[in-house]
Amino acid sequence: MIQQTLVLIKPDGLIRSLTGNILTRLSETKLEIVAAKMSRVSKEIAEAHYQHLKGKPFYPELIQYLQGELHDRNKVMALVYWGEGAIAKVRELAGETNPEKASPTSIRGSFGRIRSSGLFENVIHASSEESEAEREIKLWFEPDEILLDLYPTRLVKKENAVKEWA
């Protein structure tokens, strides 16, 4: 099944100059990159991204982590990968969320670490399922930033007509 998935190279991956290594590993999937950008992470975006973890004891630190407050690097690289079985392929290559439990050959197993506070610095985010991928892609990208029409859009009349998520 053809799918799309969101990948974020998190602030710790950027500050440690792991972008090239991570992209090289992801190229093993033979998936196509249909969107990519560097993005500053507002508190609102971070909270919306991790809305499913709200209420967990580590949630505030997780929001700070994604915003780059723990690494003095307020940006992520956001990418959309597209192709056959995209979600499973990227998730397998990313490895388990806990870097200590991740396969040593996975991205998180190779480059992740756990802070003394217990926060997982796992350098990468990968969508877990199709509905999450859609929600996350729409959160991080506008329709015109993606090279394919992945989801329905509509034209909205403003000063200039622009696409927005339907």
C-alpha atoms as a PDB file:
ATOM      1  CA  MET A   1       0.000   0.000   0.000  1.00  0.00           C
ATOM      2  CA  ILE A   2       1.272   3.460  -0.936  1.00  0.00           C
ATOM      3  CA  GLN A   3       1.585   5.639   2.177  1.00  0.00           C
ATOM      4  CA  GLN A   4       3.169   8.815   3.431  1.00  0.00           C
ATOM      5  CA  THR A   5       4.838   9.425   6.756  1.00  0.00           C
ATOM      6  CA  LEU A   6       6.268  12.368   8.630  1.00  0.00           C
ATOM      7  CA  VAL A   7       9.883  12.290   9.743  1.00  0.00           C
ATOM      8  CA  LEU A   8      11.365  14.906  12.044  1.00  0.00           C
ATOM      9  CA  ILE A   9      15.074  15.173  12.672  1.00  0.00           C
ATOM     10  CA  LYS A  10      14.897  16.588  16.163  1.00  0.00           C
ATOM     11  CA  PRO A  11      17.072  19.366  17.647  1.00  0.00           C
ATOM     12  CA  ASP A  12      19.571  16.926  19.188  1.00  0.00           C
ATOM     13  CA  GLY A  13      20.079  15.314  15.777  1.00  0.00           C
ATOM     14  CA  LEU A  14      20.717  18.720  14.219  1.00  0.00           C
ATOM     15  CA  ILE A  15      23.067  20.025  16.894  1.00  0.00           C
ATOM     16  CA  ARG A  16      25.081  16.798  16.739  1.00  0.00           C
ATOM     17  CA  SER A  17      25.337  17.111  12.922  1.00  0.00           C
ATOM     18  CA  LEU A  18      23.596  13.785  12.324  1.00  0.00           C
ATOM     19  CA  THR A  19      21.362  14.992   9.481  1.00  0.00           C
ATOM     20  CA  GLY A  20      23.477  13.444   6.720  1.00  0.00           C
ATOM     21  CA  ASN A  21      23.833  10.147   8.566  1.00  0.00           C
ATOM     22  CA  ILE A  22      20.079   9.965   9.206  1.00  0.00           C
ATOM     23  CA  LEU A  23      19.150  10.842   5.616  1.00  0.00           C
ATOM     24  CA  THR A  24      21.604   8.245   4.326  1.00  0.00           C
ATOM     25  CA  ARG A  25      19.988   5.582   6.506  1.00  0.00           C
ATOM     26  CA  LEU A  26      16.510   6.654   5.391  1.00  0.00           C
ATOM     27  CA  SER A  27      17.576   6.369   1.747  1.00  0.00           C
ATOM     28  CA  GLU A  28      17.783   2.593   2.317  1.00  0.00           C
ATOM     29  CA  THR A  29      13.958   2.554   2.311  1.00  0.00           C
ATOM     30  CA  LYS A  30      13.876   3.536  -1.387  1.00  0.00           C
ATOM     31  CA  LEU A  31      11.015   5.913  -0.517  1.00  0.00           C
ATOM     32  CA  GLU A  32      10.581   9.285  -2.175  1.00  0.00           C
ATOM     33  CA  ILE A  33      10.927  12.578  -0.285  1.00  0.00           C
ATOM     34  CA  VAL A  34       7.922  14.681  -1.337  1.00  0.00           C
ATOM     35  CA  ALA A  35       8.410  17.541   1.159  1.00  0.00           C
ATOM     36  CA  ALA A  36      11.291  18.841   3.251  1.00  0.00           C
ATOM     37  CA  LYS A  37      11.957  21.985   5.238  1.00  0.00           C
ATOM     38  CA  MET A  38      13.684  23.421   8.254  1.00  0.00           C
ATOM     39  CA  SER A  39      11.169  24.668  10.773  1.00  0.00           C
ATOM     40  CA  ARG A  40      11.246  26.577  14.036  1.00  0.00           C
ATOM     41  CA  VAL A  41       9.124  24.841  16.629  1.00  0.00           C
ATOM     42  CA  SER A  42       6.640  26.965  18.532  1.00  0.00           C
ATOM     43  CA  LYS A  43       5.173  25.776  21.803  1.00  0.00           C
ATOM     44  CA  GLU A  44       1.804  25.418  20.048  1.00  0.00           C
ATOM     45  CA  ILE A  45       3.237  23.143  17.338  1.00  0.00           C
ATOM     46  CA  ALA A  46       5.138  21.049  19.898  1.00  0.00           C
ATOM     47  CA  GLU A  47       2.019  20.658  22.051  1.00  0.00           C
ATOM     48  CA  ALA A  48      -0.145  19.772  19.050  1.00  0.00           C
ATOM     49  CA  HIS A  49       2.457  17.278  17.823  1.00  0.00           C
ATOM     50  CA  TYR A  50       2.604  15.476  21.174  1.00  0.00           C
ATOM     51  CA  GLN A  51      -1.077  15.977  22.142  1.00  0.00           C
ATOM     52  CA  HIS A  52      -1.478  12.236  22.735  1.00  0.00           C
ATOM     53  CA  LEU A  53       1.111  12.379  25.555  1.00  0.00           C
ATOM     54  CA  LYS A  54      -0.401  15.324  27.434  1.00  0.00           C
ATOM     55  CA  GLY A  55      -0.711  14.497  31.108  1.00  0.00           C
ATOM     56  CA  LYS A  56       2.345  12.213  31.173  1.00  0.00           C
ATOM     57  CA  PRO A  57       4.977  13.220  33.756  1.00  0.00           C
ATOM     58  CA  PHE A  58       7.611  13.748  31.033  1.00  0.00           C
ATOM     59  CA  TYR A  59       5.318  15.881  28.802  1.00  0.00           C
ATOM     60  CA  PRO A  60       6.684  19.347  29.798  1.00  0.00           C
ATOM     61  CA  GLU A  61      10.280  18.243  29.191  1.00  0.00           C
ATOM     62  CA  LEU A  62       9.258  16.600  25.912  1.00  0.00           C
ATOM     63  CA  ILE A  63       7.779  19.909  24.716  1.00  0.00           C
ATOM     64  CA  GLN A  64      10.993  21.720  25.696  1.00  0.00           C
ATOM     65  CA  TYR A  65      12.995  19.036  23.879  1.00  0.00           C
ATOM     66  CA  LEU A  66      11.079  19.362  20.604  1.00  0.00           C
ATOM     67  CA  GLN A  67      11.244  23.161  20.841  1.00  0.00           C
ATOM     68  CA  GLY A  68      15.012  22.909  21.142  1.00  0.00           C
ATOM     69  CA  GLU A  69      15.141  24.520  24.573  1.00  0.00           C
ATOM     70  CA  LEU A  70      17.276  21.663  25.913  1.00  0.00           C
ATOM     71  CA  HIS A  71      19.821  22.010  23.098  1.00  0.00           C
ATOM     72  CA  ASP A  72      19.711  25.728  22.289  1.00  0.00           C
ATOM     73  CA  ARG A  73      18.592  24.790  18.770  1.00  0.00           C
ATOM     74  CA  ASN A  74      14.984  25.834  18.070  1.00  0.00           C
ATOM     75  CA  LYS A  75      14.492  23.987  14.822  1.00  0.00           C
ATOM     76  CA  VAL A  76      13.819  20.610  13.307  1.00  0.00           C
ATOM     77  CA  MET A  77      14.084  19.222   9.803  1.00  0.00           C
ATOM     78  CA  ALA A  78      10.644  18.024   8.736  1.00  0.00           C
ATOM     79  CA  LEU A  79      10.275  15.594   5.837  1.00  0.00           C
ATOM     80  CA  VAL A  80       7.473  13.652   4.207  1.00  0.00           C
ATOM     81  CA  TYR A  81       8.446  10.266   2.804  1.00  0.00           C
ATOM     82  CA  TRP A  82       6.094   8.610   0.322  1.00  0.00           C
ATOM     83  CA  GLY A  83       5.914   5.136  -1.180  1.00  0.00           C
ATOM     84  CA  GLU A  84       5.058   1.492  -0.665  1.00  0.00           C
ATOM     85  CA  GLY A  85       4.718   0.677   3.057  1.00  0.00           C
ATOM     86  CA  ALA A  86       6.302   3.991   4.053  1.00  0.00           C
ATOM     87  CA  ILE A  87       5.227   3.950   7.699  1.00  0.00           C
ATOM     88  CA  ALA A  88       6.519   0.469   8.520  1.00  0.00           C
ATOM     89  CA  LYS A  89       9.756   0.956   6.555  1.00  0.00           C
ATOM     90  CA  VAL A  90      10.633   4.208   8.316  1.00  0.00           C
ATOM     91  CA  ARG A  91       9.559   2.945  11.755  1.00  0.00           C
ATOM     92  CA  GLU A  92      11.705  -0.162  11.386  1.00  0.00           C
ATOM     93  CA  LEU A  93      14.732   1.852  10.337  1.00  0.00           C
ATOM     94  CA  ALA A  94      14.142   4.414  13.119  1.00  0.00           C
ATOM     95  CA  GLY A  95      14.067   1.710  15.787  1.00  0.00           C
ATOM     96  CA  GLU A  96      12.355   1.631  19.164  1.00  0.00           C
ATOM     97  CA  THR A  97      11.640   4.935  20.908  1.00  0.00           C
ATOM     98  CA  ASN A  98      13.921   3.979  23.807  1.00  0.00           C
ATOM     99  CA  PRO A  99      17.457   4.169  22.369  1.00  0.00           C
ATOM    100  CA  GLU A 100      18.694   1.515  24.817  1.00  0.00           C
ATOM    101  CA  LYS A 101      16.105  -0.981  23.541  1.00  0.00           C
ATOM    102  CA  ALA A 102      16.530  -0.058  19.878  1.00  0.00           C
ATOM    103  CA  SER A 103      18.539  -2.297  17.594  1.00  0.00           C
ATOM    104  CA  PRO A 104      22.138  -1.035  17.398  1.00  0.00           C
ATOM    105  CA  THR A 105      21.760  -0.869  13.609  1.00  0.00           C
ATOM    106  CA  SER A 106      18.688   1.412  13.806  1.00  0.00           C
ATOM    107  CA  ILE A 107      18.904   5.201  13.753  1.00  0.00           C
ATOM    108  CA  ARG A 108      17.876   5.511  17.411  1.00  0.00           C
ATOM    109  CA  GLY A 109      20.109   2.628  18.446  1.00  0.00           C
ATOM    110  CA  SER A 110      23.092   4.213  16.703  1.00  0.00           C
ATOM    111  CA  PHE A 111      22.581   7.858  17.630  1.00  0.00           C
ATOM    112  CA  GLY A 112      20.049   8.075  20.480  1.00  0.00           C
ATOM    113  CA  ARG A 113      20.771   8.415  24.184  1.00  0.00           C
ATOM    114  CA  ILE A 114      18.902   8.864  27.445  1.00  0.00           C
ATOM    115  CA  ARG A 115      19.406  11.979  29.573  1.00  0.00           C
ATOM    116  CA  SER A 116      19.991  11.572  33.301  1.00  0.00           C
ATOM    117  CA  SER A 117      16.434  12.920  33.777  1.00  0.00           C
ATOM    118  CA  GLY A 118      15.145   9.904  31.833  1.00  0.00           C
ATOM    119  CA  LEU A 119      14.219  11.851  28.672  1.00  0.00           C
ATOM    120  CA  PHE A 120      14.855   9.877  25.496  1.00  0.00           C
ATOM    121  CA  GLU A 121      17.004  11.870  23.059  1.00  0.00           C
ATOM    122  CA  ASN A 122      16.166   9.690  20.104  1.00  0.00           C
ATOM    123  CA  VAL A 123      17.110  12.150  17.302  1.00  0.00           C
ATOM    124  CA  ILE A 124      14.171  11.280  15.039  1.00  0.00           C
ATOM    125  CA  HIS A 125      10.393  11.124  14.967  1.00  0.00           C
ATOM    126  CA  ALA A 126       8.481   8.823  12.625  1.00  0.00           C
ATOM    127  CA  SER A 127       4.683   8.603  12.364  1.00  0.00           C
ATOM    128  CA  SER A 128       3.225   5.465  13.930  1.00  0.00           C
ATOM    129  CA  GLU A 129       0.146   4.886  11.747  1.00  0.00           C
ATOM    130  CA  GLU A 130      -1.779   6.381   8.821  1.00  0.00           C
ATOM    131  CA  SER A 131      -4.131   8.594  10.844  1.00  0.00           C
ATOM    132  CA  GLU A 132      -1.221   9.977  12.870  1.00  0.00           C
ATOM    133  CA  ALA A 133       0.801  10.534   9.696  1.00  0.00           C
ATOM    134  CA  GLU A 134      -2.045  12.561   8.193  1.00  0.00           C
ATOM    135  CA  ARG A 135      -2.525  14.639  11.349  1.00  0.00           C
ATOM    136  CA  GLU A 136       1.215  15.271  11.686  1.00  0.00           C
ATOM    137  CA  ILE A 137       1.823  16.072   8.013  1.00  0.00           C
ATOM    138  CA  LYS A 138      -1.038  18.589   8.065  1.00  0.00           C
ATOM    139  CA  LEU A 139       0.391  20.108  11.254  1.00  0.00           C
ATOM    140  CA  TRP A 140       3.900  20.591   9.862  1.00  0.00           C
ATOM    141  CA  PHE A 141       3.201  21.342   6.172  1.00  0.00           C
ATOM    142  CA  GLU A 142       0.876  23.478   4.075  1.00  0.00           C
ATOM    143  CA  PRO A 143      -0.555  21.790   0.955  1.00  0.00           C
ATOM    144  CA  ASP A 144       1.644  23.788  -1.450  1.00  0.00           C
ATOM    145  CA  GLU A 145       4.794  22.663   0.382  1.00  0.00           C
ATOM    146  CA  ILE A 146       4.203  19.034  -0.641  1.00  0.00           C
ATOM    147  CA  LEU A 147       4.964  17.887  -4.179  1.00  0.00           C
ATOM    148  CA  LEU A 148       2.019  15.461  -4.341  1.00  0.00           C
ATOM    149  CA  ASP A 149      -1.646  15.971  -3.504  1.00  0.00           C
ATOM    150  CA  LEU A 150      -1.674  13.589  -0.535  1.00  0.00           C
ATOM    151  CA  TYR A 151      -4.969  14.713   0.980  1.00  0.00           C
ATOM    152  CA  PRO A 152      -8.021  16.644  -0.247  1.00  0.00           C
ATOM    153  CA  THR A 153      -7.588  20.408  -0.396  1.00  0.00           C
ATOM    154  CA  ARG A 154      -9.778  23.373  -1.224  1.00  0.00           C
ATOM    155  CA  LEU A 155      -9.033  26.805  -2.634  1.00  0.00           C
ATOM    156  CA  VAL A 156      -9.717  29.601  -0.215  1.00  0.00           C
ATOM    157  CA  LYS A 157     -10.117  33.138  -1.485  1.00  0.00           C
ATOM    158  CA  LYS A 158      -7.914  35.517   0.368  1.00  0.00           C
ATOM    159  CA  GLU A 159      -5.882  38.270  -1.249  1.00  0.00           C
ATOM    160  CA  ASN A 160      -4.409  35.476  -3.314  1.00  0.00           C
ATOM    161  CA  ALA A 161      -6.017  32.067  -3.590  1.00  0.00           C
ATOM    162  CA  VAL A 162      -4.049  29.522  -1.601  1.00  0.00           C
ATOM    163  CA  LYS A 163      -4.609  25.882  -0.825  1.00  0.00           C
ATOM    164  CA  GLU A 164      -5.471  24.833   2.679  1.00  0.00           C
ATOM    165  CA  TRP A 165      -6.341  21.470   4.166  1.00  0.00           C
ATOM    166  CA  ALA A 166      -9.974  20.538   3.538  1.00  0.00           C
END
